[in-house]
Each structure stands twice: as structure tokens, then as C-alpha cells.
Amino acid sequence: MTSRALLAALHAAAVQGAAPFARTRDAVRAWCTAQHLAADTPVALFALGKAAPAMAAGALDALRTLGITPTHGIVVAAHAPTARDWHGVAPPPTLAVHIGDHPVPGPASLAAADAIDDAIIALEPGAVALVLLSGGTTALCAAPIAALSQELGDAERAQARIANLAQTLLESGLAIHEMNAIRRRLLRFGAGRLAVALAQHGAARIPTFAISDVIGDDPAVIGSGPCTADALDDADFLALLDAHDLRPHLERATATVLGLSGSEAPAAVPPATHWAFARVEWQLVAANADAVRALASAARDAGIDEVRVDDTPLVGEAEFVGEDLARRALAVAGTLAPGRRALLVAGGEPVVHLRATVERAMQRGDDDDARLAADPVLAAEAIMSGDAGARTSPPSLADEPLRGGRMQVAALAAALTLEAAASRGAAEAWRITILAAGTDGRDGPTDATGAIVDAAVPALARRAGRTPEDDLATGRSWYPLDAAGALLRTGPTGTNVMDVVAALVRG
């Protein structure tokens, strides 16, 4: 088996280690059994996020084995569920399925939120509201709170502000827990508002099962905490905004509702003492650590001699994460005995700072690229107007928009680090292959979940006409990796527990 094939198989094992169907089925069955839930108990299902179809299927399977039929429910997912997503469990006709927008919420997300409202209103008194959360929930069912809609006059205009805020936060390079801490203040179901709505419409119990896509597995961060009170008070919230210099980048209406105008108090969030939270029972179903453990276990089963798991989560700039992984692999390669293999494994979620990317483009003297990188809408308009075609080699962002994700950035940075070491005469650089990939099947707004690279990837990209150093610096990591045949394409996996990296070293 080639190194690439082995790492692809290990990535599949990582995804399977956090597979939502069986984990949700077992957790829901155990909870229902422990609560002695009667077969005639009204149960409504709310499955939200990238893993929603598989989690819903697991819950339905558990309920059916106990003789419980849900009265109704809703699934809000990132893509139309396939037979594979349902795992052989036929969803009932009363289970509505909606596809939201991701990563930037739009009209489909607003429609999904409205459908959730309908499902909440349909609750029977004393019902069990079974909530299933996974990564992507924040965007997929994002809708504005009433205060923002009132400030702007209607929900559609307010939804555009929600989308703009999401784009601003993505460009700022914030970690997911920081983004969600800001977004949840403006979301209809964020900061515990879903639990409050469920309780106010008759839900007697709100068991909540979650697959974590955040470092630390904080219930207030996963999906922006639909059933969890906001842990930040107003002072801490404002300090977070100021720490990232976000006030100048917020639109007027958004700033007003957040209480930044000075004339109005910020929109209220349900306090932790709200009676609805007493009805919430929260349980973690799967997390990044499960994927990392599964990958490491599969590596040992594959006969890899040394498997070294780093329990420290991957954080910070993705480019630096990739460089550091390559350097650590080089250090191991220099000491590994001939004939042996070692694997370095870690998980987490680094970030890509788009503003820094724009600044680098400006420093390189390409004002057009910087301007277009800062405004994707402007870039699209340039393409539609034909202005982009007037430029020749090298390609501009006008005709070659930003494309890549944090794992593609990490992979390309690792490949360049290995190439640099090889150019200095470090023969061990040629004995290293690195995987950097998400677990959901989609790294950023691309068709790949990440990449598998080695020291030859940059040269292969150059042979295809790319300049990988420039691509890395200007937010186009996808292009050289695609040109070199290094991208890893799996399609949607049905789960989302952040990212995994693995460096295979041959002695």
C-alpha cells in the first residue's frame, strides 16, 4: 500500500470513529431506557447540523426498538440526505427535511429556522423534545432575532446582516468558539433560545445529544448553544469584540442591536437561571478525540511501529500548524531506525486569517488582487463584467477567486517546508507524507476535505504552471494542490468533529 493510500485509509478510520448513527442510537436508547419512557410519550425530533440525517436515523432506530413513534420532527442538514445517510432507517412522513446554507447563512437558512418554529408550535403538552446537534448548526438554521428584524424592518433584510456578520467573522480568522460567542447573540435559536422556545410551547424534557465540532466541547459553543445559556456577560462580550478590533467592521444595525451604539442596551439573552434550562439534559455523543483515537488505532492495526498522539489541540494559524507538523516529522525522521515507520497524529481546528491574506497581497503590490480578495462580491462582478479577462499571466483573483480551506493551507505549508528541507540536503524529507483533512468532507468552500502531501508536491504544482508560495500567501491553496493531484476528495461524510492531521515517517 502506498503512503497516500494508507493515509487515506487512516482518514476514513478517523471519520468512522466519530460516525454519528451508532453513537446517537446507543445514547438515545440508553437515555430512554433509564428514564423508563413510555411508548405513548409524545416525542418530537429536532436534528440540526451536518450530521443531522445520520443522527436522526440513529435516534429513530432507538425509538422504534422501544416502541416509540415520534409525533413529528425536523432535520436541517447541509445536503440532501441519501439512503446512505439514513442507514436503512425509513424516516416517517412527519419528519420534515430542510437544507440550510453553509458556511454563510442565506435564504435557505432563514426558511429552515421558520420550519423549526413550525415544529416547535406543533409540540404536544408534556412532550419530550429530542434535540440532536452537530457542527454547522449555527449557519444552517441561522435566522435573526426579532430585535434585528425590527431594527431593519423585515426578516429578509435582517438575514442579510446575519450573513454579512458571518462573512466578517470568517475573514477575521477567529476561532469557532469566538465566532459563535458573537453570532449567538443575534440568532433566533442561539444562546439557549431554542430551549426557551421549546419549554414555552410545552416541552417537559429537552434531552440534547451533541457531536462536537469545537475545541473543549463546550455546549454553549456547539451550534451556538441552542439549548445552553450564554456564558459571557455583556462586559466579556464587548471585550471579545475589542480584542479582534471588530467594532469598526460591524454594520450599523448590527452594532445597534448588539448595544454598541451607546443609545440602546444590547439584545437580551436568556439568563442561566431561566426555568427552561432546568428541562435540558445534555450529553456529548462524539468529539474530535474519538476521531484521533480511531485513526491511531487503525495505524497500529496497519503495523505502524510507532504511533505518537499529540493530545494538544491544533489551534492558531493553519499555515503555522502545517509548518510545525512538517518540522516535527523531520525531527522524527532523523532518528528513526531503518525499516521502521512512525506516525504523528493530532486533531483540532486551526484558522485562516483572510484579512492577513489580503494584507500579504497588498504587500506584494497586487492592489487588484487585494481589493478583490477583500470583497468576493466585487470579484464575482469583475468576472461577470469581463474585466477579469483583460489580465494575463500571472492569474488575478478577479478570474481566479480565493479557494482553499484551513487544512489545504496547512497541507501546502507542510509540503513547502518539506521541499525546503530537501533542498538543503535533508534526505529524510523524502521519507515523509502528511495528511491534513477535515472530517466532514468539505474543507472550506471547496470540493476537497483536505490533502495528502510530500516534498514533491510543490514541484509538481510548478510543473503545472502554479507558484505555490504565492498561492499560499494569497489564499489559493486549492489550486496548486489540485494541480499536483494531492487533494483528498471524499464527499460529505455525515459527521463533523473538526480536523485531523497525520505525518507518516519511513525509516
Protein backbone atom coordinates (compact mmCIF):
# COMPACT_ATOMS: atom_id res chain seq x y z
CA MET A 1 0.00 0.00 0.00
CA THR A 2 1.36 3.43 -0.91
CA SER A 3 1.79 6.10 1.73
CA ARG A 4 -1.05 8.09 0.20
CA ALA A 5 -3.40 5.11 0.18
CA LEU A 6 -2.50 4.32 3.78
CA LEU A 7 -3.16 7.86 4.95
CA ALA A 8 -6.45 7.98 3.04
CA ALA A 9 -7.49 4.76 4.79
CA LEU A 10 -6.49 6.22 8.16
CA HIS A 11 -8.57 9.31 7.44
CA ALA A 12 -11.55 7.07 6.70
CA ALA A 13 -10.97 5.33 10.03
CA ALA A 14 -10.96 8.71 11.79
CA VAL A 15 -14.29 9.62 10.22
CA GLN A 16 -15.74 6.26 11.18
CA GLY A 17 -14.53 6.76 14.73
CA ALA A 18 -16.92 9.69 15.04
CA ALA A 19 -19.73 8.17 12.95
CA PRO A 20 -22.98 9.60 14.31
CA PHE A 21 -25.52 6.86 13.57
CA ALA A 22 -24.45 4.19 16.04
CA ARG A 23 -23.32 6.64 18.69
CA THR A 24 -26.61 8.54 18.61
CA ARG A 25 -28.66 5.33 18.53
CA ASP A 26 -26.92 3.93 21.59
CA ALA A 27 -27.05 7.21 23.53
CA VAL A 28 -30.74 7.81 22.83
CA ARG A 29 -31.66 4.22 23.64
CA ALA A 30 -29.77 4.36 26.92
CA TRP A 31 -31.44 7.65 27.89
CA CYS A 32 -34.95 6.44 27.06
CA THR A 33 -34.38 3.20 28.96
CA ALA A 34 -33.00 5.00 32.01
CA GLN A 35 -35.98 7.35 32.03
CA HIS A 36 -38.47 4.47 31.58
CA LEU A 37 -40.02 6.40 28.72
CA ALA A 38 -43.49 5.04 27.98
CA ALA A 39 -44.39 4.09 24.43
CA ASP A 40 -47.19 6.65 24.33
CA THR A 41 -44.96 9.57 25.36
CA PRO A 42 -45.16 12.32 22.72
CA VAL A 43 -41.66 12.76 21.28
CA ALA A 44 -40.64 15.40 18.75
CA LEU A 45 -37.28 15.26 16.97
CA PHE A 46 -35.07 18.27 16.20
CA ALA A 47 -31.89 17.25 14.31
CA LEU A 48 -29.68 20.17 13.28
CA GLY A 49 -26.25 20.26 11.62
CA LYS A 50 -24.05 18.45 9.11
CA ALA A 51 -24.59 15.13 10.89
CA ALA A 52 -28.35 15.69 11.29
CA PRO A 53 -29.59 12.94 8.92
CA ALA A 54 -27.42 10.21 10.44
CA MET A 55 -28.14 11.38 13.99
CA ALA A 56 -31.86 11.44 13.24
CA ALA A 57 -31.65 7.94 11.79
CA GLY A 58 -29.89 6.71 14.93
CA ALA A 59 -32.49 8.29 17.19
CA LEU A 60 -35.37 6.90 15.12
CA ASP A 61 -33.84 3.43 15.25
CA ALA A 62 -33.51 3.64 19.04
CA LEU A 63 -37.07 4.92 19.49
CA ARG A 64 -38.55 2.21 17.27
CA THR A 65 -36.84 -0.58 19.20
CA LEU A 66 -38.56 0.82 22.29
CA GLY A 67 -41.93 1.06 20.57
CA ILE A 68 -41.93 4.86 20.46
CA THR A 69 -43.11 6.72 17.37
CA PRO A 70 -42.23 10.42 17.13
CA THR A 71 -45.19 12.73 16.66
CA HIS A 72 -43.21 14.91 14.24
CA GLY A 73 -39.80 16.41 13.75
CA ILE A 74 -37.39 18.32 11.56
CA VAL A 75 -33.95 17.68 10.07
CA VAL A 76 -31.84 20.66 8.98
CA ALA A 77 -28.80 19.45 7.04
CA ALA A 78 -26.07 20.74 4.73
CA HIS A 79 -27.01 18.49 1.82
CA ALA A 80 -29.98 16.41 0.71
CA PRO A 81 -29.85 13.12 2.66
CA THR A 82 -29.17 9.96 0.69
CA ALA A 83 -30.10 6.38 1.52
CA ARG A 84 -26.62 6.02 2.96
CA ASP A 85 -27.30 8.89 5.40
CA TRP A 86 -30.44 7.16 6.67
CA HIS A 87 -28.59 3.88 7.37
CA GLY A 88 -31.56 1.80 6.29
CA VAL A 89 -33.98 3.60 8.61
CA ALA A 90 -37.00 4.89 6.73
CA PRO A 91 -37.83 8.39 8.00
CA PRO A 92 -41.51 8.93 8.85
CA PRO A 93 -43.55 11.26 6.65
CA THR A 94 -43.95 13.61 9.61
CA LEU A 95 -40.19 14.29 9.63
CA ALA A 96 -39.54 17.43 7.58
CA VAL A 97 -36.14 17.82 5.90
CA HIS A 98 -34.63 21.21 5.09
CA ILE A 99 -31.27 22.14 3.56
CA GLY A 100 -29.70 25.27 5.01
CA ASP A 101 -26.86 27.47 3.76
CA HIS A 102 -23.25 26.93 4.89
CA PRO A 103 -20.84 28.45 5.84
CA VAL A 104 -22.56 31.79 5.21
CA PRO A 105 -26.29 31.68 6.03
CA GLY A 106 -28.79 32.84 3.45
CA PRO A 107 -32.46 32.47 2.50
CA ALA A 108 -32.40 28.69 2.90
CA SER A 109 -31.19 29.05 6.48
CA LEU A 110 -33.98 31.52 7.22
CA ALA A 111 -36.53 29.11 5.73
CA ALA A 112 -35.11 26.30 7.86
CA ALA A 113 -35.42 28.43 11.00
CA ASP A 114 -39.05 29.20 10.14
CA ALA A 115 -39.68 25.46 9.74
CA ILE A 116 -38.17 24.87 13.19
CA ASP A 117 -40.63 27.41 14.55
CA ASP A 118 -43.48 25.43 12.98
CA ALA A 119 -42.21 22.22 14.59
CA ILE A 120 -41.99 23.95 17.97
CA ILE A 121 -45.55 25.25 17.72
CA ALA A 122 -46.75 21.71 16.92
CA LEU A 123 -45.45 20.31 20.24
CA GLU A 124 -47.93 18.48 22.43
CA PRO A 125 -48.14 19.43 26.12
CA GLY A 126 -45.68 17.40 28.18
CA ALA A 127 -43.73 16.30 25.11
CA VAL A 128 -40.11 15.23 25.00
CA ALA A 129 -38.22 17.48 22.60
CA LEU A 130 -35.29 15.37 21.45
CA VAL A 131 -32.57 17.73 20.19
CA LEU A 132 -29.64 16.44 18.11
CA LEU A 133 -26.84 18.93 17.41
CA SER A 134 -23.73 18.78 15.24
CA GLY A 135 -21.28 21.10 13.51
CA GLY A 136 -22.76 23.54 11.04
CA THR A 137 -25.92 24.15 13.09
CA THR A 138 -25.13 27.84 13.56
CA ALA A 139 -25.18 28.64 9.83
CA LEU A 140 -27.65 26.04 8.59
CA CYS A 141 -30.57 27.33 10.66
CA ALA A 142 -29.35 30.87 11.28
CA ALA A 143 -32.09 33.48 11.46
CA PRO A 144 -32.19 36.92 13.07
CA ILE A 145 -33.67 37.63 16.45
CA ALA A 146 -36.80 39.78 16.47
CA ALA A 147 -34.88 42.87 17.60
CA LEU A 148 -32.69 42.86 14.47
CA SER A 149 -35.67 42.31 12.18
CA GLN A 150 -37.50 45.20 13.86
CA GLU A 151 -34.44 47.44 13.54
CA LEU A 152 -34.31 46.84 9.78
CA GLY A 153 -38.00 46.47 9.04
CA ASP A 154 -38.18 42.83 7.93
CA ALA A 155 -36.56 39.42 8.45
CA GLU A 156 -35.06 39.23 4.95
CA ARG A 157 -33.01 42.39 5.38
CA ALA A 158 -32.00 41.25 8.85
CA GLN A 159 -30.92 37.90 7.40
CA ALA A 160 -28.58 39.74 5.05
CA ARG A 161 -26.96 41.34 8.10
CA ILE A 162 -26.55 37.91 9.67
CA ALA A 163 -24.81 36.73 6.50
CA ASN A 164 -22.55 39.78 6.44
CA LEU A 165 -21.61 39.24 10.07
CA ALA A 166 -20.74 35.60 9.33
CA GLN A 167 -18.54 36.67 6.42
CA THR A 168 -16.83 39.32 8.54
CA LEU A 169 -16.05 36.82 11.29
CA LEU A 170 -14.76 34.24 8.81
CA GLU A 171 -12.41 36.82 7.31
CA SER A 172 -11.17 37.86 10.75
CA GLY A 173 -9.58 34.49 11.48
CA LEU A 174 -11.49 33.95 14.72
CA ALA A 175 -11.64 30.51 16.29
CA ILE A 176 -15.05 28.84 16.15
CA HIS A 177 -15.76 29.45 19.85
CA GLU A 178 -15.12 33.16 19.34
CA MET A 179 -17.27 33.37 16.21
CA ASN A 180 -20.16 31.58 17.88
CA ALA A 181 -19.88 33.73 21.00
CA ILE A 182 -20.62 36.72 18.77
CA ARG A 183 -23.12 35.17 16.38
CA ARG A 184 -25.33 33.56 19.01
CA ARG A 185 -26.30 36.97 20.38
CA LEU A 186 -28.18 37.72 17.15
CA LEU A 187 -29.56 34.28 16.29
CA ARG A 188 -33.15 33.23 16.82
CA PHE A 189 -32.11 29.91 18.34
CA GLY A 190 -28.68 30.83 19.69
CA ALA A 191 -27.68 31.32 23.33
CA GLY A 192 -30.32 28.96 24.69
CA ARG A 193 -33.27 30.48 22.81
CA LEU A 194 -34.25 27.12 21.29
CA ALA A 195 -34.61 25.56 24.75
CA VAL A 196 -36.70 28.51 25.91
CA ALA A 197 -39.00 28.27 22.90
CA LEU A 198 -39.40 24.51 23.34
CA ALA A 199 -40.22 24.85 27.03
CA GLN A 200 -42.65 27.70 26.45
CA HIS A 201 -44.55 25.56 23.94
CA GLY A 202 -44.98 22.61 26.25
CA ALA A 203 -41.77 20.54 26.17
CA ALA A 204 -41.46 18.89 29.58
CA ARG A 205 -38.00 17.50 28.88
CA ILE A 206 -35.32 18.56 26.41
CA PRO A 207 -32.66 15.82 26.14
CA THR A 208 -29.89 17.20 23.93
CA PHE A 209 -27.29 14.99 22.24
CA ALA A 210 -24.35 16.65 20.51
CA ILE A 211 -21.45 15.85 18.22
CA SER A 212 -18.78 18.43 18.97
CA ASP A 213 -17.02 20.43 16.29
CA VAL A 214 -15.30 22.77 18.75
CA ILE A 215 -12.20 22.58 20.90
CA GLY A 216 -13.18 21.99 24.51
CA ASP A 217 -16.61 20.55 23.56
CA ASP A 218 -18.39 23.47 25.25
CA PRO A 219 -22.22 23.10 25.00
CA ALA A 220 -22.54 26.89 24.72
CA VAL A 221 -20.35 26.87 21.60
CA ILE A 222 -21.58 23.80 19.68
CA GLY A 223 -24.14 25.14 17.22
CA SER A 224 -24.02 28.46 19.12
CA GLY A 225 -25.64 26.83 22.14
CA PRO A 226 -29.31 26.39 21.13
CA CYS A 227 -30.11 24.76 24.46
CA THR A 228 -27.40 26.32 26.64
CA ALA A 229 -27.29 29.69 28.37
CA ASP A 230 -24.71 32.22 27.16
CA ALA A 231 -21.69 32.07 29.46
CA LEU A 232 -20.46 35.57 28.54
CA ASP A 233 -21.79 38.64 30.28
CA ASP A 234 -22.02 41.93 28.39
CA ALA A 235 -18.59 43.13 29.54
CA ASP A 236 -16.84 39.92 28.39
CA PHE A 237 -18.73 40.05 25.12
CA LEU A 238 -17.57 43.60 24.40
CA ALA A 239 -14.03 42.68 25.39
CA LEU A 240 -14.10 39.89 22.79
CA LEU A 241 -15.16 42.30 20.06
CA ASP A 242 -12.43 44.75 21.01
CA ALA A 243 -9.77 42.04 21.22
CA HIS A 244 -10.26 41.46 17.49
CA ASP A 245 -10.97 45.12 16.60
CA LEU A 246 -14.37 44.16 15.23
CA ARG A 247 -16.43 47.21 16.12
CA PRO A 248 -15.40 49.18 13.01
CA HIS A 249 -16.33 46.23 10.80
CA LEU A 250 -19.90 45.79 12.05
CA GLU A 251 -22.82 47.27 10.15
CA ARG A 252 -24.83 49.97 11.89
CA ALA A 253 -27.96 47.93 12.57
CA THR A 254 -25.92 45.01 13.83
CA ALA A 255 -23.93 47.27 16.14
CA THR A 256 -27.11 48.89 17.46
CA VAL A 257 -28.74 45.59 18.38
CA LEU A 258 -25.52 44.42 20.00
CA GLY A 259 -25.59 47.51 22.18
CA LEU A 260 -22.55 49.21 20.64
CA SER A 261 -24.24 52.47 19.64
CA GLY A 262 -24.45 53.70 23.21
CA SER A 263 -28.12 54.62 22.90
CA GLU A 264 -29.62 51.20 23.48
CA ALA A 265 -28.94 48.20 25.67
CA PRO A 266 -27.76 45.02 23.91
CA ALA A 267 -30.36 42.46 22.92
CA ALA A 268 -31.14 40.31 25.93
CA VAL A 269 -30.14 36.66 26.10
CA PRO A 270 -31.94 34.17 28.35
CA PRO A 271 -30.22 34.14 31.76
CA ALA A 272 -28.74 30.91 33.08
CA THR A 273 -31.43 30.98 35.78
CA HIS A 274 -34.26 30.75 33.22
CA TRP A 275 -36.60 27.92 34.17
CA ALA A 276 -36.37 26.36 30.69
CA PHE A 277 -32.77 25.24 31.24
CA ALA A 278 -33.85 23.00 34.11
CA ARG A 279 -35.55 20.84 31.48
CA VAL A 280 -32.40 20.41 29.38
CA GLU A 281 -30.29 17.24 29.76
CA TRP A 282 -27.09 17.49 27.74
CA GLN A 283 -24.91 14.62 26.52
CA LEU A 284 -21.83 14.54 24.26
CA VAL A 285 -22.08 11.79 21.63
CA ALA A 286 -18.80 12.19 19.73
CA ALA A 287 -15.86 14.59 19.51
CA ASN A 288 -12.52 15.13 17.78
CA ALA A 289 -10.77 12.94 20.34
CA ASP A 290 -12.81 9.96 19.09
CA ALA A 291 -11.60 10.54 15.53
CA VAL A 292 -7.98 10.90 16.65
CA ARG A 293 -8.16 7.70 18.72
CA ALA A 294 -9.72 5.79 15.83
CA LEU A 295 -7.02 6.98 13.43
CA ALA A 296 -4.27 6.00 15.87
CA SER A 297 -5.84 2.59 16.48
CA ALA A 298 -6.12 1.91 12.74
CA ALA A 299 -2.48 2.91 12.32
CA ARG A 300 -1.39 0.37 14.93
CA ASP A 301 -3.55 -2.29 13.26
CA ALA A 302 -1.82 -1.44 9.97
CA GLY A 303 1.53 -2.34 11.52
CA ILE A 304 3.00 1.12 12.01
CA ASP A 305 5.75 0.69 14.59
CA GLU A 306 5.43 3.98 16.48
CA VAL A 307 2.18 5.94 16.78
CA ARG A 308 2.60 9.20 18.63
CA VAL A 309 -0.60 11.04 19.52
CA ASP A 310 -0.39 14.69 20.48
CA ASP A 311 -3.24 15.48 22.87
CA THR A 312 -2.74 19.23 22.49
CA PRO A 313 -5.45 20.54 20.13
CA LEU A 314 -4.40 22.14 16.86
CA VAL A 315 -5.06 25.88 17.13
CA GLY A 316 -3.74 29.09 15.62
CA GLU A 317 -2.90 29.90 12.02
CA ALA A 318 -3.24 26.88 9.73
CA GLU A 319 -0.06 27.81 7.85
CA PHE A 320 2.00 27.65 11.03
CA VAL A 321 0.33 24.38 12.05
CA GLY A 322 1.40 22.80 8.76
CA GLU A 323 4.95 24.08 9.04
CA ASP A 324 5.26 22.86 12.62
CA LEU A 325 3.94 19.39 11.75
CA ALA A 326 6.48 19.07 8.94
CA ARG A 327 9.34 20.13 11.21
CA ARG A 328 8.34 17.65 13.89
CA ALA A 329 8.16 14.91 11.27
CA LEU A 330 11.64 15.83 10.05
CA ALA A 331 12.97 15.57 13.59
CA VAL A 332 11.47 12.09 13.97
CA ALA A 333 12.79 11.02 10.55
CA GLY A 334 16.31 11.92 11.62
CA THR A 335 16.21 9.43 14.49
CA LEU A 336 14.03 6.63 13.12
CA ALA A 337 15.76 3.29 12.60
CA PRO A 338 15.84 1.84 9.06
CA GLY A 339 12.83 -0.28 8.19
CA ARG A 340 10.60 1.26 10.85
CA ARG A 341 7.62 3.57 10.40
CA ALA A 342 6.28 6.25 12.72
CA LEU A 343 3.08 8.27 12.65
CA LEU A 344 2.46 11.63 14.32
CA VAL A 345 -1.26 12.23 14.96
CA ALA A 346 -3.18 15.25 16.22
CA GLY A 347 -6.58 16.91 15.91
CA GLY A 348 -8.22 20.27 16.36
CA GLU A 349 -9.20 23.26 14.27
CA PRO A 350 -6.70 25.92 13.19
CA VAL A 351 -7.86 29.08 11.46
CA VAL A 352 -7.14 31.08 8.31
CA HIS A 353 -6.98 34.85 8.71
CA LEU A 354 -8.34 36.26 5.46
CA ARG A 355 -7.52 39.85 6.39
CA ALA A 356 -3.88 38.86 6.76
CA THR A 357 -4.10 37.23 3.33
CA VAL A 358 -5.35 40.47 1.84
CA GLU A 359 -2.54 42.40 3.54
CA ARG A 360 0.03 40.00 2.06
CA ALA A 361 -1.48 40.52 -1.39
CA MET A 362 -1.13 44.27 -0.94
CA GLN A 363 2.46 43.93 0.22
CA ARG A 364 3.18 42.01 -2.97
CA GLY A 365 1.97 45.03 -4.88
CA ASP A 366 -1.14 43.48 -6.40
CA ASP A 367 -3.76 46.03 -5.40
CA ASP A 368 -6.39 44.48 -7.66
CA ASP A 369 -5.97 41.07 -6.06
CA ALA A 370 -6.13 42.57 -2.58
CA ARG A 371 -9.23 44.58 -3.40
CA LEU A 372 -10.99 41.58 -4.90
CA ALA A 373 -9.92 39.23 -2.14
CA ALA A 374 -11.42 41.62 0.38
CA ASP A 375 -14.73 41.69 -1.48
CA PRO A 376 -15.88 38.35 -3.00
CA VAL A 377 -18.95 40.10 -4.45
CA LEU A 378 -16.69 42.55 -6.26
CA ALA A 379 -14.65 39.65 -7.60
CA ALA A 380 -17.79 37.99 -8.93
CA GLU A 381 -18.87 41.24 -10.57
CA ALA A 382 -15.45 41.54 -12.23
CA ILE A 383 -15.83 38.09 -13.72
CA MET A 384 -19.39 38.80 -14.92
CA SER A 385 -18.38 42.12 -16.49
CA GLY A 386 -15.45 40.60 -18.33
CA ASP A 387 -12.87 42.83 -16.66
CA ALA A 388 -11.07 39.78 -15.34
CA GLY A 389 -10.35 38.53 -18.83
CA ALA A 390 -8.24 41.55 -19.65
CA ARG A 391 -5.50 40.37 -17.35
CA THR A 392 -2.96 37.80 -18.44
CA SER A 393 -0.39 35.72 -16.58
CA PRO A 394 0.01 35.57 -13.64
CA PRO A 395 -3.70 34.99 -12.94
CA SER A 396 -5.54 37.55 -10.82
CA LEU A 397 -8.04 36.92 -8.06
CA ALA A 398 -10.51 38.52 -10.42
CA ASP A 399 -10.51 35.46 -12.66
CA GLU A 400 -9.18 33.03 -10.04
CA PRO A 401 -11.02 33.68 -6.78
CA LEU A 402 -9.91 32.68 -3.31
CA ARG A 403 -10.17 28.93 -2.96
CA GLY A 404 -8.97 26.73 -0.18
CA GLY A 405 -9.61 25.76 3.43
CA ARG A 406 -7.65 25.62 6.62
CA MET A 407 -6.48 22.05 6.04
CA GLN A 408 -5.41 22.82 2.48
CA VAL A 409 -3.43 25.76 3.80
CA ALA A 410 -1.81 23.52 6.42
CA ALA A 411 -1.04 20.83 3.84
CA LEU A 412 0.53 23.24 1.34
CA ALA A 413 2.61 24.89 4.07
CA ALA A 414 3.81 21.45 5.20
CA ALA A 415 4.74 20.48 1.64
CA LEU A 416 6.76 23.68 1.14
CA THR A 417 8.55 23.08 4.44
CA LEU A 418 9.47 19.55 3.38
CA GLU A 419 10.66 20.78 -0.02
CA ALA A 420 12.82 23.44 1.61
CA ALA A 421 14.40 20.82 3.87
CA ALA A 422 15.07 18.55 0.89
CA SER A 423 16.70 21.42 -1.00
CA ARG A 424 19.10 21.85 1.93
CA GLY A 425 20.17 18.24 1.59
CA ALA A 426 17.90 16.65 4.22
CA ALA A 427 17.29 13.29 2.56
CA GLU A 428 14.80 12.35 5.28
CA ALA A 429 12.35 14.90 3.84
CA TRP A 430 11.62 12.47 1.01
CA ARG A 431 10.51 9.84 3.53
CA ILE A 432 7.62 11.88 4.94
CA THR A 433 3.99 12.03 3.78
CA ILE A 434 1.47 14.26 5.53
CA LEU A 435 -2.32 14.16 5.77
CA ALA A 436 -4.28 17.27 6.74
CA ALA A 437 -8.03 16.96 6.40
CA GLY A 438 -11.39 17.81 7.88
CA THR A 439 -13.79 15.11 8.99
CA ASP A 440 -16.92 16.46 7.28
CA GLY A 441 -15.75 16.00 3.70
CA ARG A 442 -15.50 19.69 2.85
CA ASP A 443 -12.58 21.92 3.73
CA GLY A 444 -13.76 25.48 3.29
CA PRO A 445 -15.92 26.22 0.23
CA THR A 446 -14.18 23.57 -1.89
CA ASP A 447 -14.77 20.06 -3.21
CA ALA A 448 -12.00 18.53 -1.09
CA THR A 449 -11.75 17.63 2.57
CA GLY A 450 -8.01 18.35 2.68
CA ALA A 451 -4.85 16.96 1.09
CA ILE A 452 -2.09 14.37 1.33
CA VAL A 453 1.30 15.88 0.51
CA ASP A 454 5.03 15.21 0.40
CA ALA A 455 8.15 17.13 -0.61
CA ALA A 456 7.42 16.64 -4.33
CA VAL A 457 4.05 18.43 -4.33
CA PRO A 458 5.38 21.99 -4.83
CA ALA A 459 7.46 20.95 -7.85
CA LEU A 460 4.51 19.11 -9.36
CA ALA A 461 2.41 22.25 -8.92
CA ARG A 462 5.08 24.38 -10.60
CA ARG A 463 5.23 21.97 -13.50
CA ALA A 464 1.51 22.69 -13.99
CA GLY A 465 2.16 26.43 -14.05
CA ARG A 466 1.47 27.29 -10.41
CA THR A 467 3.57 29.26 -7.94
CA PRO A 468 2.70 27.53 -4.66
CA GLU A 469 4.40 30.12 -2.47
CA ASP A 470 2.26 32.88 -3.95
CA ASP A 471 -0.84 30.71 -3.84
CA LEU A 472 -0.30 30.06 -0.15
CA ALA A 473 0.21 33.75 0.57
CA THR A 474 -2.85 34.91 -1.37
CA GLY A 475 -5.49 32.41 -0.25
CA ARG A 476 -5.44 29.99 -3.20
CA SER A 477 -4.07 26.80 -1.68
CA TRP A 478 -6.58 24.65 -3.57
CA TYR A 479 -5.06 25.38 -6.98
CA PRO A 480 -1.51 24.03 -6.51
CA LEU A 481 -2.76 21.04 -4.52
CA ASP A 482 -5.23 20.22 -7.26
CA ALA A 483 -2.55 20.66 -9.93
CA ALA A 484 -0.27 18.25 -8.05
CA GLY A 485 -3.01 15.66 -7.55
CA ALA A 486 -2.70 16.00 -3.78
CA LEU A 487 -6.28 16.85 -2.81
CA LEU A 488 -8.30 14.31 -0.82
CA ARG A 489 -11.91 14.13 -2.02
CA THR A 490 -14.32 12.00 -0.01
CA GLY A 491 -17.65 13.75 -0.46
CA PRO A 492 -19.87 14.51 2.56
CA THR A 493 -19.06 12.13 5.41
CA GLY A 494 -22.13 12.70 7.55
CA THR A 495 -20.18 13.83 10.58
CA ASN A 496 -18.16 16.85 11.68
CA VAL A 497 -15.63 16.72 14.52
CA MET A 498 -13.12 19.28 13.28
CA ASP A 499 -9.82 18.25 11.64
CA VAL A 500 -7.14 15.57 11.86
CA VAL A 501 -3.53 15.59 10.76
CA ALA A 502 -1.09 12.70 10.47
CA ALA A 503 2.55 12.63 9.40
CA LEU A 504 3.83 9.25 8.18
CA VAL A 505 7.59 8.86 8.54
CA ARG A 506 9.53 6.00 6.98
CA GLY A 507 12.88 4.98 8.43
